[in-house]
C-alpha atoms as a PDB file:
ATOM      1  CA  MET A   1     -65.037 110.053  23.954  1.00  0.00           C
ATOM      2  CA  ASN A   2     -66.836 111.606  20.977  1.00  0.00           C
ATOM      3  CA  GLU A   3     -68.268 109.380  18.260  1.00  0.00           C
ATOM      4  CA  PRO A   4     -66.518 109.589  14.852  1.00  0.00           C
ATOM      5  CA  VAL A   5     -68.130 112.113  12.530  1.00  0.00           C
ATOM      6  CA  PRO A   6     -69.514 110.588   9.284  1.00  0.00           C
ATOM      7  CA  LEU A   7     -67.808 112.673   6.594  1.00  0.00           C
ATOM      8  CA  PRO A   8     -68.965 112.929   2.957  1.00  0.00           C
ATOM      9  CA  PRO A   9     -67.706 110.102   0.708  1.00  0.00           C
ATOM     10  CA  GLY A  10     -64.149 110.582  -0.506  1.00  0.00           C
ATOM     11  CA  VAL A  11     -63.246 113.040   2.271  1.00  0.00           C
ATOM     12  CA  THR A  12     -60.593 112.205   4.874  1.00  0.00           C
ATOM     13  CA  VAL A  13     -59.447 114.502   7.674  1.00  0.00           C
ATOM     14  CA  LEU A  14     -55.843 114.044   8.751  1.00  0.00           C
ATOM     15  CA  GLU A  15     -55.912 115.466  12.271  1.00  0.00           C
ATOM     16  CA  ARG A  16     -52.421 116.822  12.862  1.00  0.00           C
ATOM     17  CA  GLY A  17     -52.456 118.632  16.211  1.00  0.00           C
ATOM     18  CA  TRP A  18     -51.420 122.262  16.755  1.00  0.00           C
ATOM     19  CA  LEU A  19     -48.039 122.802  15.090  1.00  0.00           C
ATOM     20  CA  SER A  20     -49.566 121.630  11.797  1.00  0.00           C
ATOM     21  CA  SER A  21     -53.141 122.324  10.802  1.00  0.00           C
ATOM     22  CA  ASN A  22     -55.475 119.513   9.826  1.00  0.00           C
ATOM     23  CA  ASN A  23     -55.275 118.347   6.209  1.00  0.00           C
ATOM     24  CA  VAL A  24     -58.579 117.664   4.427  1.00  0.00           C
ATOM     25  CA  VAL A  25     -57.939 115.166   1.617  1.00  0.00           C
ATOM     26  CA  PHE A  26     -60.278 114.429  -1.314  1.00  0.00           C
ATOM     27  CA  ASP A  27     -59.385 111.124  -2.975  1.00  0.00           C
ATOM     28  CA  THR A  28     -62.132 110.863  -5.608  1.00  0.00           C
ATOM     29  CA  GLY A  29     -63.076 113.128  -8.507  1.00  0.00           C
ATOM     30  CA  THR A  30     -60.799 116.164  -8.412  1.00  0.00           C
ATOM     31  CA  THR A  31     -58.168 115.031  -5.918  1.00  0.00           C
ATOM     32  CA  ALA A  32     -57.221 117.787  -3.525  1.00  0.00           C
ATOM     33  CA  VAL A  33     -55.866 118.696  -0.124  1.00  0.00           C
ATOM     34  CA  VAL A  34     -57.097 121.678   1.871  1.00  0.00           C
ATOM     35  CA  ASP A  35     -54.336 123.131   4.069  1.00  0.00           C
ATOM     36  CA  THR A  36     -50.921 121.507   4.293  1.00  0.00           C
ATOM     37  CA  GLY A  37     -49.503 121.918   7.801  1.00  0.00           C
ATOM     38  CA  TYR A  38     -46.223 123.416   8.987  1.00  0.00           C
ATOM     39  CA  ALA A  39     -42.905 123.250   7.107  1.00  0.00           C
ATOM     40  CA  LEU A  40     -41.307 121.124   9.824  1.00  0.00           C
ATOM     41  CA  HIS A  41     -43.809 118.352   9.017  1.00  0.00           C
ATOM     42  CA  ALA A  42     -43.765 118.777   5.219  1.00  0.00           C
ATOM     43  CA  LYS A  43     -42.291 115.356   4.396  1.00  0.00           C
ATOM     44  CA  GLN A  44     -44.816 113.696   6.679  1.00  0.00           C
ATOM     45  CA  THR A  45     -47.615 115.674   5.028  1.00  0.00           C
ATOM     46  CA  VAL A  46     -46.569 114.481   1.564  1.00  0.00           C
ATOM     47  CA  SER A  47     -46.449 110.877   2.789  1.00  0.00           C
ATOM     48  CA  LEU A  48     -49.829 111.057   4.539  1.00  0.00           C
ATOM     49  CA  VAL A  49     -51.558 112.694   1.586  1.00  0.00           C
ATOM     50  CA  GLN A  50     -50.143 110.206  -0.916  1.00  0.00           C
ATOM     51  CA  ARG A  51     -51.121 107.256   1.271  1.00  0.00           C
ATOM     52  CA  THR A  52     -54.650 108.619   1.721  1.00  0.00           C
ATOM     53  CA  MET A  53     -55.085 109.089  -2.026  1.00  0.00           C
ATOM     54  CA  GLY A  54     -53.918 105.546  -2.724  1.00  0.00           C
ATOM     55  CA  GLY A  55     -51.309 106.611  -5.251  1.00  0.00           C
ATOM     56  CA  ARG A  56     -53.590 108.890  -7.296  1.00  0.00           C
ATOM     57  CA  PRO A  57     -51.942 112.137  -8.473  1.00  0.00           C
ATOM     58  CA  LEU A  58     -52.822 115.293  -6.544  1.00  0.00           C
ATOM     59  CA  GLU A  59     -54.671 117.848  -8.682  1.00  0.00           C
ATOM     60  CA  ALA A  60     -55.321 120.745  -6.281  1.00  0.00           C
ATOM     61  CA  ILE A  61     -53.670 122.305  -3.220  1.00  0.00           C
ATOM     62  CA  VAL A  62     -56.061 124.696  -1.477  1.00  0.00           C
ATOM     63  CA  ASN A  63     -55.251 127.069   1.393  1.00  0.00           C
ATOM     64  CA  THR A  64     -57.946 128.608   3.574  1.00  0.00           C
ATOM     65  CA  HIS A  65     -55.339 131.201   4.579  1.00  0.00           C
ATOM     66  CA  LEU A  66     -51.579 131.567   4.512  1.00  0.00           C
ATOM     67  CA  HIS A  67     -50.490 131.268   8.116  1.00  0.00           C
ATOM     68  CA  SER A  68     -47.435 129.046   8.291  1.00  0.00           C
ATOM     69  CA  ASP A  69     -49.243 126.120   9.937  1.00  0.00           C
ATOM     70  CA  HIS A  70     -51.729 125.950   7.047  1.00  0.00           C
ATOM     71  CA  CYS A  71     -49.457 126.283   4.008  1.00  0.00           C
ATOM     72  CA  GLY A  72     -46.049 125.039   5.184  1.00  0.00           C
ATOM     73  CA  GLY A  73     -46.393 121.822   3.184  1.00  0.00           C
ATOM     74  CA  ASN A  74     -47.257 123.584  -0.088  1.00  0.00           C
ATOM     75  CA  ALA A  75     -43.708 123.627  -1.489  1.00  0.00           C
ATOM     76  CA  ALA A  76     -43.098 119.946  -0.732  1.00  0.00           C
ATOM     77  CA  LEU A  77     -46.438 118.905  -2.237  1.00  0.00           C
ATOM     78  CA  GLN A  78     -45.760 121.023  -5.331  1.00  0.00           C
ATOM     79  CA  ALA A  79     -42.398 119.291  -5.744  1.00  0.00           C
ATOM     80  CA  ALA A  80     -44.014 115.860  -5.364  1.00  0.00           C
ATOM     81  CA  HIS A  81     -46.965 116.734  -7.656  1.00  0.00           C
ATOM     82  CA  PRO A  82     -45.723 119.322 -10.194  1.00  0.00           C
ATOM     83  CA  SER A  83     -49.016 119.392 -12.107  1.00  0.00           C
ATOM     84  CA  ALA A  84     -51.122 120.198  -9.036  1.00  0.00           C
ATOM     85  CA  ARG A  85     -52.627 123.681  -9.100  1.00  0.00           C
ATOM     86  CA  THR A  86     -52.478 125.777  -5.936  1.00  0.00           C
ATOM     87  CA  TRP A  87     -55.392 127.965  -4.828  1.00  0.00           C
ATOM     88  CA  ILE A  88     -55.069 130.885  -2.389  1.00  0.00           C
ATOM     89  CA  SER A  89     -57.277 133.834  -1.458  1.00  0.00           C
ATOM     90  CA  PRO A  90     -56.834 136.993  -3.616  1.00  0.00           C
ATOM     91  CA  GLY A  91     -55.711 139.299  -0.817  1.00  0.00           C
ATOM     92  CA  GLN A  92     -52.213 137.850  -0.527  1.00  0.00           C
ATOM     93  CA  ALA A  93     -51.486 136.929  -4.137  1.00  0.00           C
ATOM     94  CA  ASP A  94     -49.040 139.802  -4.608  1.00  0.00           C
ATOM     95  CA  ALA A  95     -47.219 138.988  -1.353  1.00  0.00           C
ATOM     96  CA  VAL A  96     -46.816 135.364  -2.441  1.00  0.00           C
ATOM     97  CA  ALA A  97     -45.609 136.362  -5.898  1.00  0.00           C
ATOM     98  CA  ARG A  98     -42.956 138.650  -4.319  1.00  0.00           C
ATOM     99  CA  TRP A  99     -42.502 136.280  -1.369  1.00  0.00           C
ATOM    100  CA  ASP A 100     -42.813 139.055   1.203  1.00  0.00           C
ATOM    101  CA  GLY A 101     -42.246 137.404   4.583  1.00  0.00           C
ATOM    102  CA  VAL A 102     -43.354 140.527   6.427  1.00  0.00           C
ATOM    103  CA  ALA A 103     -46.696 140.830   4.616  1.00  0.00           C
ATOM    104  CA  LEU A 104     -47.250 137.086   5.022  1.00  0.00           C
ATOM    105  CA  THR A 105     -46.641 137.374   8.825  1.00  0.00           C
ATOM    106  CA  TYR A 106     -43.779 134.848   8.928  1.00  0.00           C
ATOM    107  CA  VAL A 107     -41.310 137.497  10.134  1.00  0.00           C
ATOM    108  CA  ALA A 108     -43.687 138.949  12.743  1.00  0.00           C
ATOM    109  CA  THR A 109     -44.532 135.535  14.212  1.00  0.00           C
ATOM    110  CA  GLY A 110     -40.974 134.200  14.144  1.00  0.00           C
ATOM    111  CA  GLN A 111     -42.172 131.198  12.112  1.00  0.00           C
ATOM    112  CA  ARG A 112     -40.972 129.754   8.816  1.00  0.00           C
ATOM    113  CA  CYS A 113     -42.524 128.713   5.532  1.00  0.00           C
ATOM    114  CA  ASP A 114     -40.832 127.426   2.374  1.00  0.00           C
ATOM    115  CA  ARG A 115     -41.532 129.509  -0.718  1.00  0.00           C
ATOM    116  CA  PHE A 116     -44.300 128.199  -2.961  1.00  0.00           C
ATOM    117  CA  ARG A 117     -46.143 129.364  -6.077  1.00  0.00           C
ATOM    118  CA  PHE A 118     -49.868 129.861  -6.642  1.00  0.00           C
ATOM    119  CA  ASP A 119     -51.985 129.276  -9.750  1.00  0.00           C
ATOM    120  CA  GLU A 120     -55.586 130.140  -8.881  1.00  0.00           C
ATOM    121  CA  MET A 121     -57.496 132.348  -6.465  1.00  0.00           C
ATOM    122  CA  LEU A 122     -60.360 131.458  -4.118  1.00  0.00           C
ATOM    123  CA  ARG A 123     -62.799 134.274  -4.698  1.00  0.00           C
ATOM    124  CA  PRO A 124     -65.553 134.682  -2.088  1.00  0.00           C
ATOM    125  CA  GLY A 125     -68.925 134.182  -3.728  1.00  0.00           C
ATOM    126  CA  ALA A 126     -67.495 131.705  -6.233  1.00  0.00           C
ATOM    127  CA  GLY A 127     -66.866 127.983  -5.914  1.00  0.00           C
ATOM    128  CA  VAL A 128     -64.092 125.419  -6.180  1.00  0.00           C
ATOM    129  CA  THR A 129     -64.403 121.760  -7.158  1.00  0.00           C
ATOM    130  CA  LEU A 130     -63.021 119.429  -4.513  1.00  0.00           C
ATOM    131  CA  GLY A 131     -63.575 115.712  -4.943  1.00  0.00           C
ATOM    132  CA  GLU A 132     -66.968 115.098  -6.510  1.00  0.00           C
ATOM    133  CA  ARG A 133     -68.646 118.346  -5.445  1.00  0.00           C
ATOM    134  CA  GLU A 134     -68.567 122.109  -5.753  1.00  0.00           C
ATOM    135  CA  TRP A 135     -67.675 123.937  -2.533  1.00  0.00           C
ATOM    136  CA  GLN A 136     -68.742 127.514  -1.879  1.00  0.00           C
ATOM    137  CA  VAL A 137     -66.058 130.038  -0.948  1.00  0.00           C
ATOM    138  CA  HIS A 138     -67.010 132.475   1.833  1.00  0.00           C
ATOM    139  CA  ALA A 139     -64.892 135.311   3.207  1.00  0.00           C
ATOM    140  CA  ALA A 140     -63.996 134.723   6.853  1.00  0.00           C
ATOM    141  CA  PRO A 141     -61.955 137.680   8.144  1.00  0.00           C
ATOM    142  CA  GLY A 142     -61.066 138.055  11.805  1.00  0.00           C
ATOM    143  CA  HIS A 143     -58.345 135.558  12.605  1.00  0.00           C
ATOM    144  CA  ASP A 144     -56.772 136.620   9.308  1.00  0.00           C
ATOM    145  CA  PRO A 145     -58.135 139.384   7.045  1.00  0.00           C
ATOM    146  CA  HIS A 146     -57.810 137.186   3.949  1.00  0.00           C
ATOM    147  CA  SER A 147     -59.073 133.874   5.320  1.00  0.00           C
ATOM    148  CA  VAL A 148     -61.870 131.937   3.670  1.00  0.00           C
ATOM    149  CA  ILE A 149     -64.081 129.055   4.727  1.00  0.00           C
ATOM    150  CA  LEU A 150     -65.456 126.370   2.390  1.00  0.00           C
ATOM    151  CA  PHE A 151     -69.022 125.043   2.477  1.00  0.00           C
ATOM    152  CA  GLU A 152     -70.638 122.149   0.612  1.00  0.00           C
ATOM    153  CA  PRO A 153     -74.421 122.642   0.770  1.00  0.00           C
ATOM    154  CA  ALA A 154     -75.617 119.123  -0.132  1.00  0.00           C
ATOM    155  CA  SER A 155     -73.899 117.562   2.886  1.00  0.00           C
ATOM    156  CA  ALA A 156     -73.875 120.870   4.828  1.00  0.00           C
ATOM    157  CA  THR A 157     -70.177 120.339   5.540  1.00  0.00           C
ATOM    158  CA  LEU A 158     -68.081 123.340   6.554  1.00  0.00           C
ATOM    159  CA  ILE A 159     -64.287 123.548   6.437  1.00  0.00           C
ATOM    160  CA  SER A 160     -63.991 126.295   9.044  1.00  0.00           C
ATOM    161  CA  ALA A 161     -60.188 126.607   9.263  1.00  0.00           C
ATOM    162  CA  ASP A 162     -59.377 128.835  12.279  1.00  0.00           C
ATOM    163  CA  ALA A 163     -62.633 130.800  12.165  1.00  0.00           C
ATOM    164  CA  LEU A 164     -64.348 128.251  14.414  1.00  0.00           C
ATOM    165  CA  TRP A 165     -63.017 125.401  16.522  1.00  0.00           C
ATOM    166  CA  ASP A 166     -64.931 123.220  18.947  1.00  0.00           C
ATOM    167  CA  ASN A 167     -63.614 125.518  21.665  1.00  0.00           C
ATOM    168  CA  GLY A 168     -62.940 128.987  20.290  1.00  0.00           C
ATOM    169  CA  PHE A 169     -61.060 130.343  17.281  1.00  0.00           C
ATOM    170  CA  GLY A 170     -57.577 131.459  16.284  1.00  0.00           C
ATOM    171  CA  ILE A 171     -55.661 134.545  17.410  1.00  0.00           C
ATOM    172  CA  VAL A 172     -57.143 137.745  15.967  1.00  0.00           C
ATOM    173  CA  PHE A 173     -53.946 138.907  14.292  1.00  0.00           C
ATOM    174  CA  PRO A 174     -55.220 142.302  13.042  1.00  0.00           C
ATOM    175  CA  GLU A 175     -55.719 143.353  16.670  1.00  0.00           C
ATOM    176  CA  LEU A 176     -52.007 142.702  17.307  1.00  0.00           C
ATOM    177  CA  ASP A 177     -51.236 145.061  14.423  1.00  0.00           C
ATOM    178  CA  GLY A 178     -53.392 147.805  15.918  1.00  0.00           C
ATOM    179  CA  GLU A 179     -56.212 147.206  13.433  1.00  0.00           C
ATOM    180  CA  PRO A 180     -59.813 146.309  14.331  1.00  0.00           C
ATOM    181  CA  GLY A 181     -60.508 142.597  14.059  1.00  0.00           C
ATOM    182  CA  PHE A 182     -62.978 141.587  16.735  1.00  0.00           C
ATOM    183  CA  GLY A 183     -65.947 142.854  14.702  1.00  0.00           C
ATOM    184  CA  ASP A 184     -64.848 140.690  11.780  1.00  0.00           C
ATOM    185  CA  VAL A 185     -64.715 137.646  14.059  1.00  0.00           C
ATOM    186  CA  ARG A 186     -68.283 138.353  15.145  1.00  0.00           C
ATOM    187  CA  ALA A 187     -69.441 138.764  11.536  1.00  0.00           C
ATOM    188  CA  THR A 188     -67.744 135.527  10.468  1.00  0.00           C
ATOM    189  CA  LEU A 189     -69.411 133.600  13.296  1.00  0.00           C
ATOM    190  CA  ASP A 190     -72.735 135.015  12.074  1.00  0.00           C
ATOM    191  CA  VAL A 191     -71.977 133.798   8.541  1.00  0.00           C
ATOM    192  CA  ILE A 192     -71.171 130.321   9.852  1.00  0.00           C
ATOM    193  CA  GLU A 193     -74.429 130.228  11.807  1.00  0.00           C
ATOM    194  CA  SER A 194     -76.393 131.361   8.740  1.00  0.00           C
ATOM    195  CA  LEU A 195     -74.963 128.487   6.670  1.00  0.00           C
ATOM    196  CA  GLN A 196     -76.450 126.012   9.176  1.00  0.00           C
ATOM    197  CA  PRO A 197     -73.691 123.418   8.821  1.00  0.00           C
ATOM    198  CA  ARG A 198     -74.323 119.871   9.990  1.00  0.00           C
ATOM    199  CA  ILE A 199     -70.620 118.937   9.985  1.00  0.00           C
ATOM    200  CA  VAL A 200     -67.689 121.201  10.870  1.00  0.00           C
ATOM    201  CA  ILE A 201     -64.078 120.383   9.977  1.00  0.00           C
ATOM    202  CA  PRO A 202     -61.922 122.816  11.989  1.00  0.00           C
ATOM    203  CA  GLY A 203     -58.338 123.791  11.263  1.00  0.00           C
ATOM    204  CA  HIS A 204     -57.256 122.155  14.525  1.00  0.00           C
ATOM    205  CA  GLY A 205     -58.974 119.477  16.562  1.00  0.00           C
ATOM    206  CA  SER A 206     -61.466 116.797  15.626  1.00  0.00           C
ATOM    207  CA  PRO A 207     -64.427 117.349  13.287  1.00  0.00           C
ATOM    208  CA  PHE A 208     -67.732 117.793  15.103  1.00  0.00           C
ATOM    209  CA  ALA A 209     -71.331 117.512  14.026  1.00  0.00           C
ATOM    210  CA  GLY A 210     -74.952 117.964  15.048  1.00  0.00           C
ATOM    211  CA  SER A 211     -76.970 121.103  15.680  1.00  0.00           C
ATOM    212  CA  GLU A 212     -76.441 121.099  19.460  1.00  0.00           C
ATOM    213  CA  ARG A 213     -72.690 120.538  19.231  1.00  0.00           C
ATOM    214  CA  ILE A 214     -72.240 123.248  16.602  1.00  0.00           C
ATOM    215  CA  ALA A 215     -74.481 125.689  18.492  1.00  0.00           C
ATOM    216  CA  GLY A 216     -72.359 125.029  21.574  1.00  0.00           C
ATOM    217  CA  ALA A 217     -69.160 125.752  19.650  1.00  0.00           C
ATOM    218  CA  LEU A 218     -70.592 129.025  18.365  1.00  0.00           C
ATOM    219  CA  ALA A 219     -71.702 130.005  21.867  1.00  0.00           C
ATOM    220  CA  ARG A 220     -68.232 129.277  23.274  1.00  0.00           C
ATOM    221  CA  ALA A 221     -66.604 131.270  20.487  1.00  0.00           C
ATOM    222  CA  ARG A 222     -68.885 134.246  21.099  1.00  0.00           C
ATOM    223  CA  SER A 223     -68.229 134.086  24.831  1.00  0.00           C
ATOM    224  CA  ARG A 224     -64.476 134.096  24.259  1.00  0.00           C
ATOM    225  CA  LEU A 225     -64.824 136.968  21.811  1.00  0.00           C
ATOM    226  CA  ALA A 226     -66.817 138.989  24.356  1.00  0.00           C
ATOM    227  CA  SER A 227     -64.064 138.510  26.935  1.00  0.00           C
ATOM    228  CA  PHE A 228     -61.439 139.762  24.465  1.00  0.00           C
ATOM    229  CA  VAL A 229     -63.552 142.783  23.497  1.00  0.00           C
ATOM    230  CA  ALA A 230     -63.980 143.635  27.178  1.00  0.00           C
ATOM    231  CA  ASP A 231     -60.228 143.355  27.805  1.00  0.00           C
ATOM    232  CA  PRO A 232     -58.053 143.511  24.654  1.00  0.00           C
ATOM    233  CA  ARG A 233     -54.940 143.035  26.803  1.00  0.00           C
ATOM    234  CA  ARG A 234     -56.236 139.577  27.664  1.00  0.00           C
ATOM    235  CA  HIS A 235     -56.291 138.735  23.969  1.00  0.00           C
ATOM    236  CA  ALA A 236     -52.767 140.107  23.498  1.00  0.00           C
ATOM    237  CA  SER A 237     -51.456 138.040  26.410  1.00  0.00           C
ATOM    238  CA  HIS A 238     -53.224 134.942  25.084  1.00  0.00           C
ATOM    239  CA  ALA A 239     -51.729 135.536  21.637  1.00  0.00           C
ATOM    240  CA  MET A 240     -48.185 135.759  22.974  1.00  0.00           C
ATOM    241  CA  LYS A 241     -48.641 132.518  24.926  1.00  0.00           C
ATOM    242  CA  VAL A 242     -49.867 130.786  21.757  1.00  0.00           C
ATOM    243  CA  LEU A 243     -46.921 132.033  19.669  1.00  0.00           C
ATOM    244  CA  VAL A 244     -44.431 130.992  22.361  1.00  0.00           C
ATOM    245  CA  LYS A 245     -46.011 127.536  22.656  1.00  0.00           C
ATOM    246  CA  PHE A 246     -45.927 127.164  18.875  1.00  0.00           C
ATOM    247  CA  LYS A 247     -42.203 127.924  18.741  1.00  0.00           C
ATOM    248  CA  LEU A 248     -41.461 125.587  21.637  1.00  0.00           C
ATOM    249  CA  LEU A 249     -43.359 122.800  19.863  1.00  0.00           C
ATOM    250  CA  GLU A 250     -41.158 123.422  16.845  1.00  0.00           C
ATOM    251  CA  TRP A 251     -37.897 123.484  18.816  1.00  0.00           C
ATOM    252  CA  GLN A 252     -38.792 120.789  21.375  1.00  0.00           C
ATOM    253  CA  SER A 253     -35.695 121.844  23.356  1.00  0.00           C
ATOM    254  CA  VAL A 254     -33.868 125.171  23.544  1.00  0.00           C
ATOM    255  CA  GLU A 255     -31.457 126.951  25.884  1.00  0.00           C
ATOM    256  CA  VAL A 256     -33.129 129.679  27.924  1.00  0.00           C
ATOM    257  CA  GLU A 257     -30.737 132.321  26.599  1.00  0.00           C
ATOM    258  CA  ALA A 258     -31.491 131.385  22.988  1.00  0.00           C
ATOM    259  CA  PHE A 259     -35.210 131.451  23.683  1.00  0.00           C
ATOM    260  CA  MET A 260     -34.961 134.925  25.221  1.00  0.00           C
ATOM    261  CA  ARG A 261     -33.011 136.235  22.222  1.00  0.00           C
ATOM    262  CA  TRP A 262     -35.735 134.925  19.917  1.00  0.00           C
ATOM    263  CA  ALA A 263     -38.558 136.350  22.046  1.00  0.00           C
ATOM    264  CA  GLN A 264     -36.909 139.769  22.348  1.00  0.00           C
ATOM    265  CA  ALA A 265     -36.448 139.942  18.574  1.00  0.00           C
ATOM    266  CA  MET A 266     -39.896 138.606  17.589  1.00  0.00           C
ATOM    267  CA  PRO A 267     -41.805 141.634  16.192  1.00  0.00           C
ATOM    268  CA  TYR A 268     -45.218 140.713  17.628  1.00  0.00           C
ATOM    269  CA  MET A 269     -43.717 140.253  21.073  1.00  0.00           C
ATOM    270  CA  CYS A 270     -41.990 143.646  20.871  1.00  0.00           C
ATOM    271  CA  ARG A 271     -45.171 145.322  19.626  1.00  0.00           C
ATOM    272  CA  VAL A 272     -47.364 143.876  22.366  1.00  0.00           C
ATOM    273  CA  HIS A 273     -44.911 144.788  25.122  1.00  0.00           C
ATOM    274  CA  SER A 274     -44.508 148.331  23.833  1.00  0.00           C
END
């Protein structure tokens, strides 16, 4: 069993599993939550965040990217904390304003997300105040073209979202759309290595720390990437398994016929099979 990772003061990671992303809560200074889980768990997210903050009002909702498992609690948190300002990356601001479920991938993945508003944009090269410190915003395309990662240099803490896990990274969605994405994954891993983080808070799974552990995670990610580059069909098959598992986690139980109707209508599934 891994030892608990000593996080910076005022930072709590709510490890949620795979249907909902982790929530990173800042309960001092500028109170904030980074990523808000899936819509199915929205009420639980609100409760967990409020309990972690000890009753303090939430000031900022920050999304590393807008996949449904990372922003599905936004609407519920906005309702519970109307004065909280919501930060997203610039690339999908127009899609959020219009609430375009196709552009936001919710239609293609067969997933759901309650409509939310945004107030501010996370611009790569700039910073955002979370808790007591300023966090750098870095572009992290690959898994999602508009994703960002957040880095705090004093503690060398990285919120890596789905760009780096302890064992791999998220689906490379551009590749499913027929667009190049593997090169962006490689470039993002290089950026992460150049930041030399001492602590990594992934979008899923437990935080991990230490130069050897982080170097191992980067090596595993690069090895997985190389296997996908060598055989893109392997990546496509892996992606479909992940999307099916995600939906089954949401449903818990479903008739086979209903599942097949969903799978046959899910745009990504149709695209990969064609």
